[in-house]
Amino acid sequence: MNSHGQHRAGSPAIRDDGLRDDGLEELRATFFGRLKGERQLLLNLGAVLAQGKMDRAPVLAELRNRAHRLSGTAAVLDLREVAALAHVLELAVEGRAVADRAITPRAENSDRVMCAALQAFIKVIDGLSGSSRKLPIQARIATSRRSRRILSS
């Protein structure tokens, strides 16, 4: 920092929380707003799947595509935990879609994994605020033990 309180060119500013300001804070805040909007869409897709009265393939495809896009965007913005949970949701939905296409009877366990991943991701969205790269403590606590096991495997 120079004598006028400005940062030298090329050196990132240090924020109050000790993290370097990488210039993505505004984009992260916008993404958090987008996640809040996606929350209801994800819940609606989950509710449609829970009813089980229709062809699941298009709903699973939509849920998988949304999770994929959210995971990719979160990764670009260095939101590792959000990206990881969205990726777990994507993989769980893909696993459910593969099980649905199989000739063998439906694998109920993949439904439980997919629902657990969706619930964990919704809890994380509910706990987000501001533009921090770290999840707030309440979002970490809200993530179920089962979801954390999925992430660590």
C-alpha atoms as a PDB file:
ATOM      1  CA  MET A   1       0.000   0.000   0.000  1.00  0.00           C
ATOM      2  CA  ASN A   2       1.352   3.427  -0.828  1.00  0.00           C
ATOM      3  CA  SER A   3       1.132   6.584   1.310  1.00  0.00           C
ATOM      4  CA  HIS A   4      -2.233   7.514  -0.273  1.00  0.00           C
ATOM      5  CA  GLY A   5      -3.927   4.327   0.958  1.00  0.00           C
ATOM      6  CA  GLN A   6      -3.928   2.745  -2.479  1.00  0.00           C
ATOM      7  CA  HIS A   7      -2.551  -0.665  -3.370  1.00  0.00           C
ATOM      8  CA  ARG A   8       0.323  -1.043  -5.755  1.00  0.00           C
ATOM      9  CA  ALA A   9      -0.545  -2.304  -9.203  1.00  0.00           C
ATOM     10  CA  GLY A  10      -0.428  -6.081  -9.335  1.00  0.00           C
ATOM     11  CA  SER A  11      -0.707  -6.659  -5.585  1.00  0.00           C
ATOM     12  CA  PRO A  12      -4.118  -7.905  -4.426  1.00  0.00           C
ATOM     13  CA  ALA A  13      -5.789  -6.085  -1.567  1.00  0.00           C
ATOM     14  CA  ILE A  14      -6.136  -7.836   1.774  1.00  0.00           C
ATOM     15  CA  ARG A  15      -9.696  -7.812   3.118  1.00  0.00           C
ATOM     16  CA  ASP A  16     -10.730  -7.410   6.737  1.00  0.00           C
ATOM     17  CA  ASP A  17     -11.157 -11.196   7.080  1.00  0.00           C
ATOM     18  CA  GLY A  18      -7.530 -11.772   6.021  1.00  0.00           C
ATOM     19  CA  LEU A  19      -8.342 -13.185   2.571  1.00  0.00           C
ATOM     20  CA  ARG A  20      -6.875 -11.620  -0.526  1.00  0.00           C
ATOM     21  CA  ASP A  21      -9.355  -9.739  -2.650  1.00  0.00           C
ATOM     22  CA  ASP A  22      -8.967 -11.557  -5.939  1.00  0.00           C
ATOM     23  CA  GLY A  23     -11.406  -9.296  -7.784  1.00  0.00           C
ATOM     24  CA  LEU A  24     -14.137 -11.926  -7.813  1.00  0.00           C
ATOM     25  CA  GLU A  25     -16.048 -10.759  -4.747  1.00  0.00           C
ATOM     26  CA  GLU A  26     -18.755  -8.993  -6.758  1.00  0.00           C
ATOM     27  CA  LEU A  27     -19.170 -12.058  -8.974  1.00  0.00           C
ATOM     28  CA  ARG A  28     -19.427 -14.284  -5.901  1.00  0.00           C
ATOM     29  CA  ALA A  29     -22.121 -12.062  -4.421  1.00  0.00           C
ATOM     30  CA  THR A  30     -24.038 -12.237  -7.716  1.00  0.00           C
ATOM     31  CA  PHE A  31     -23.643 -16.024  -7.771  1.00  0.00           C
ATOM     32  CA  PHE A  32     -24.946 -16.286  -4.193  1.00  0.00           C
ATOM     33  CA  GLY A  33     -28.013 -14.357  -5.322  1.00  0.00           C
ATOM     34  CA  ARG A  34     -28.406 -16.777  -8.228  1.00  0.00           C
ATOM     35  CA  LEU A  35     -28.129 -19.725  -5.833  1.00  0.00           C
ATOM     36  CA  LYS A  36     -30.943 -18.309  -3.731  1.00  0.00           C
ATOM     37  CA  GLY A  37     -33.076 -18.228  -6.897  1.00  0.00           C
ATOM     38  CA  GLU A  38     -32.036 -21.750  -7.899  1.00  0.00           C
ATOM     39  CA  ARG A  39     -33.037 -23.037  -4.467  1.00  0.00           C
ATOM     40  CA  GLN A  40     -36.753 -23.072  -5.236  1.00  0.00           C
ATOM     41  CA  LEU A  41     -36.187 -24.638  -8.648  1.00  0.00           C
ATOM     42  CA  LEU A  42     -34.143 -27.424  -7.064  1.00  0.00           C
ATOM     43  CA  LEU A  43     -36.823 -27.990  -4.420  1.00  0.00           C
ATOM     44  CA  ASN A  44     -39.505 -28.143  -7.116  1.00  0.00           C
ATOM     45  CA  LEU A  45     -37.545 -30.713  -9.124  1.00  0.00           C
ATOM     46  CA  GLY A  46     -37.041 -32.786  -5.981  1.00  0.00           C
ATOM     47  CA  ALA A  47     -40.764 -32.623  -5.201  1.00  0.00           C
ATOM     48  CA  VAL A  48     -41.681 -33.749  -8.726  1.00  0.00           C
ATOM     49  CA  LEU A  49     -39.302 -36.698  -8.391  1.00  0.00           C
ATOM     50  CA  ALA A  50     -40.765 -37.592  -4.985  1.00  0.00           C
ATOM     51  CA  GLN A  51     -44.252 -37.844  -6.496  1.00  0.00           C
ATOM     52  CA  GLY A  52     -43.015 -40.549  -8.873  1.00  0.00           C
ATOM     53  CA  LYS A  53     -46.035 -40.282 -11.170  1.00  0.00           C
ATOM     54  CA  MET A  54     -44.271 -39.520 -14.446  1.00  0.00           C
ATOM     55  CA  ASP A  55     -41.273 -40.249 -16.617  1.00  0.00           C
ATOM     56  CA  ARG A  56     -38.342 -39.242 -14.423  1.00  0.00           C
ATOM     57  CA  ALA A  57     -35.774 -38.935 -17.218  1.00  0.00           C
ATOM     58  CA  PRO A  58     -36.436 -35.277 -18.197  1.00  0.00           C
ATOM     59  CA  VAL A  59     -36.614 -34.171 -14.549  1.00  0.00           C
ATOM     60  CA  LEU A  60     -33.383 -36.006 -13.705  1.00  0.00           C
ATOM     61  CA  ALA A  61     -31.718 -34.461 -16.761  1.00  0.00           C
ATOM     62  CA  GLU A  62     -32.789 -30.955 -15.701  1.00  0.00           C
ATOM     63  CA  LEU A  63     -31.621 -31.500 -12.113  1.00  0.00           C
ATOM     64  CA  ARG A  64     -28.289 -32.922 -13.296  1.00  0.00           C
ATOM     65  CA  ASN A  65     -27.713 -30.031 -15.725  1.00  0.00           C
ATOM     66  CA  ARG A  66     -28.477 -27.432 -13.067  1.00  0.00           C
ATOM     67  CA  ALA A  67     -26.153 -29.118 -10.578  1.00  0.00           C
ATOM     68  CA  HIS A  68     -23.425 -29.336 -13.248  1.00  0.00           C
ATOM     69  CA  ARG A  69     -23.659 -25.629 -14.101  1.00  0.00           C
ATOM     70  CA  LEU A  70     -23.737 -24.583 -10.450  1.00  0.00           C
ATOM     71  CA  SER A  71     -20.739 -26.787  -9.661  1.00  0.00           C
ATOM     72  CA  GLY A  72     -18.732 -25.357 -12.551  1.00  0.00           C
ATOM     73  CA  THR A  73     -19.542 -21.764 -11.709  1.00  0.00           C
ATOM     74  CA  ALA A  74     -18.742 -22.295  -8.025  1.00  0.00           C
ATOM     75  CA  ALA A  75     -15.404 -23.883  -8.950  1.00  0.00           C
ATOM     76  CA  VAL A  76     -14.479 -20.945 -11.194  1.00  0.00           C
ATOM     77  CA  LEU A  77     -15.282 -18.577  -8.315  1.00  0.00           C
ATOM     78  CA  ASP A  78     -13.127 -20.663  -5.933  1.00  0.00           C
ATOM     79  CA  LEU A  79     -16.122 -21.710  -3.820  1.00  0.00           C
ATOM     80  CA  ARG A  80     -14.772 -25.200  -3.257  1.00  0.00           C
ATOM     81  CA  GLU A  81     -17.336 -26.485  -0.770  1.00  0.00           C
ATOM     82  CA  VAL A  82     -20.285 -25.273  -2.843  1.00  0.00           C
ATOM     83  CA  ALA A  83     -18.718 -26.736  -5.987  1.00  0.00           C
ATOM     84  CA  ALA A  84     -18.092 -30.065  -4.252  1.00  0.00           C
ATOM     85  CA  LEU A  85     -21.660 -30.377  -2.969  1.00  0.00           C
ATOM     86  CA  ALA A  86     -23.134 -29.417  -6.339  1.00  0.00           C
ATOM     87  CA  HIS A  87     -20.859 -32.006  -7.960  1.00  0.00           C
ATOM     88  CA  VAL A  88     -21.994 -34.668  -5.459  1.00  0.00           C
ATOM     89  CA  LEU A  89     -25.587 -33.806  -6.370  1.00  0.00           C
ATOM     90  CA  GLU A  90     -24.747 -34.078 -10.073  1.00  0.00           C
ATOM     91  CA  LEU A  91     -23.137 -37.502  -9.600  1.00  0.00           C
ATOM     92  CA  ALA A  92     -26.003 -38.762  -7.434  1.00  0.00           C
ATOM     93  CA  VAL A  93     -28.574 -37.676 -10.023  1.00  0.00           C
ATOM     94  CA  GLU A  94     -26.528 -39.270 -12.797  1.00  0.00           C
ATOM     95  CA  GLY A  95     -26.357 -42.488 -10.769  1.00  0.00           C
ATOM     96  CA  ARG A  96     -30.137 -42.418 -10.348  1.00  0.00           C
ATOM     97  CA  ALA A  97     -30.603 -41.839 -14.087  1.00  0.00           C
ATOM     98  CA  VAL A  98     -28.320 -44.770 -14.913  1.00  0.00           C
ATOM     99  CA  ALA A  99     -30.227 -46.975 -12.447  1.00  0.00           C
ATOM    100  CA  ASP A 100     -33.522 -45.943 -14.070  1.00  0.00           C
ATOM    101  CA  ARG A 101     -32.210 -46.959 -17.494  1.00  0.00           C
ATOM    102  CA  ALA A 102     -30.981 -50.342 -16.234  1.00  0.00           C
ATOM    103  CA  ILE A 103     -32.916 -53.505 -16.965  1.00  0.00           C
ATOM    104  CA  THR A 104     -32.644 -54.634 -13.343  1.00  0.00           C
ATOM    105  CA  PRO A 105     -35.117 -53.442 -10.692  1.00  0.00           C
ATOM    106  CA  ARG A 106     -34.753 -49.903  -9.382  1.00  0.00           C
ATOM    107  CA  ALA A 107     -32.008 -49.313  -6.859  1.00  0.00           C
ATOM    108  CA  GLU A 108     -33.691 -47.513  -3.975  1.00  0.00           C
ATOM    109  CA  ASN A 109     -30.344 -46.648  -2.384  1.00  0.00           C
ATOM    110  CA  SER A 110     -29.523 -44.295  -5.261  1.00  0.00           C
ATOM    111  CA  ASP A 111     -32.765 -42.404  -4.540  1.00  0.00           C
ATOM    112  CA  ARG A 112     -31.680 -41.922  -0.922  1.00  0.00           C
ATOM    113  CA  VAL A 113     -28.215 -40.735  -1.954  1.00  0.00           C
ATOM    114  CA  MET A 114     -29.691 -38.308  -4.492  1.00  0.00           C
ATOM    115  CA  CYS A 115     -32.176 -36.937  -1.927  1.00  0.00           C
ATOM    116  CA  ALA A 116     -29.442 -36.573   0.717  1.00  0.00           C
ATOM    117  CA  ALA A 117     -27.228 -34.699  -1.751  1.00  0.00           C
ATOM    118  CA  LEU A 118     -30.100 -32.403  -2.761  1.00  0.00           C
ATOM    119  CA  GLN A 119     -31.010 -31.682   0.874  1.00  0.00           C
ATOM    120  CA  ALA A 120     -27.383 -30.954   1.787  1.00  0.00           C
ATOM    121  CA  PHE A 121     -27.020 -28.584  -1.166  1.00  0.00           C
ATOM    122  CA  ILE A 122     -30.246 -26.751  -0.237  1.00  0.00           C
ATOM    123  CA  LYS A 123     -28.980 -26.355   3.352  1.00  0.00           C
ATOM    124  CA  VAL A 124     -25.744 -24.857   2.058  1.00  0.00           C
ATOM    125  CA  ILE A 125     -27.668 -22.412  -0.147  1.00  0.00           C
ATOM    126  CA  ASP A 126     -29.789 -21.451   2.877  1.00  0.00           C
ATOM    127  CA  GLY A 127     -26.622 -20.701   4.875  1.00  0.00           C
ATOM    128  CA  LEU A 128     -24.872 -18.528   2.283  1.00  0.00           C
ATOM    129  CA  SER A 129     -24.473 -14.818   2.761  1.00  0.00           C
ATOM    130  CA  GLY A 130     -22.235 -12.111   1.382  1.00  0.00           C
ATOM    131  CA  SER A 131     -19.421 -13.070  -0.938  1.00  0.00           C
ATOM    132  CA  SER A 132     -17.139 -15.148   1.274  1.00  0.00           C
ATOM    133  CA  ARG A 133     -15.322 -18.119  -0.218  1.00  0.00           C
ATOM    134  CA  LYS A 134     -15.869 -20.113   2.973  1.00  0.00           C
ATOM    135  CA  LEU A 135     -19.181 -21.531   4.060  1.00  0.00           C
ATOM    136  CA  PRO A 136     -20.557 -19.959   7.209  1.00  0.00           C
ATOM    137  CA  ILE A 137     -20.414 -22.221  10.252  1.00  0.00           C
ATOM    138  CA  GLN A 138     -24.188 -22.784  10.287  1.00  0.00           C
ATOM    139  CA  ALA A 139     -24.057 -24.097   6.696  1.00  0.00           C
ATOM    140  CA  ARG A 140     -21.251 -26.493   7.609  1.00  0.00           C
ATOM    141  CA  ILE A 141     -23.149 -27.760  10.639  1.00  0.00           C
ATOM    142  CA  ALA A 142     -26.365 -28.115   8.635  1.00  0.00           C
ATOM    143  CA  THR A 143     -24.683 -30.422   6.139  1.00  0.00           C
ATOM    144  CA  SER A 144     -25.564 -33.924   7.242  1.00  0.00           C
ATOM    145  CA  ARG A 145     -22.944 -36.448   8.277  1.00  0.00           C
ATOM    146  CA  ARG A 146     -24.010 -38.665   5.392  1.00  0.00           C
ATOM    147  CA  SER A 147     -23.383 -35.893   2.872  1.00  0.00           C
ATOM    148  CA  ARG A 148     -19.956 -35.228   4.371  1.00  0.00           C
ATOM    149  CA  ARG A 149     -19.149 -38.931   4.005  1.00  0.00           C
ATOM    150  CA  ILE A 150     -20.208 -38.734   0.353  1.00  0.00           C
ATOM    151  CA  LEU A 151     -17.878 -35.778  -0.165  1.00  0.00           C
ATOM    152  CA  SER A 152     -14.907 -37.470   1.486  1.00  0.00           C
ATOM    153  CA  SER A 153     -15.202 -40.711  -0.481  1.00  0.00           C
END
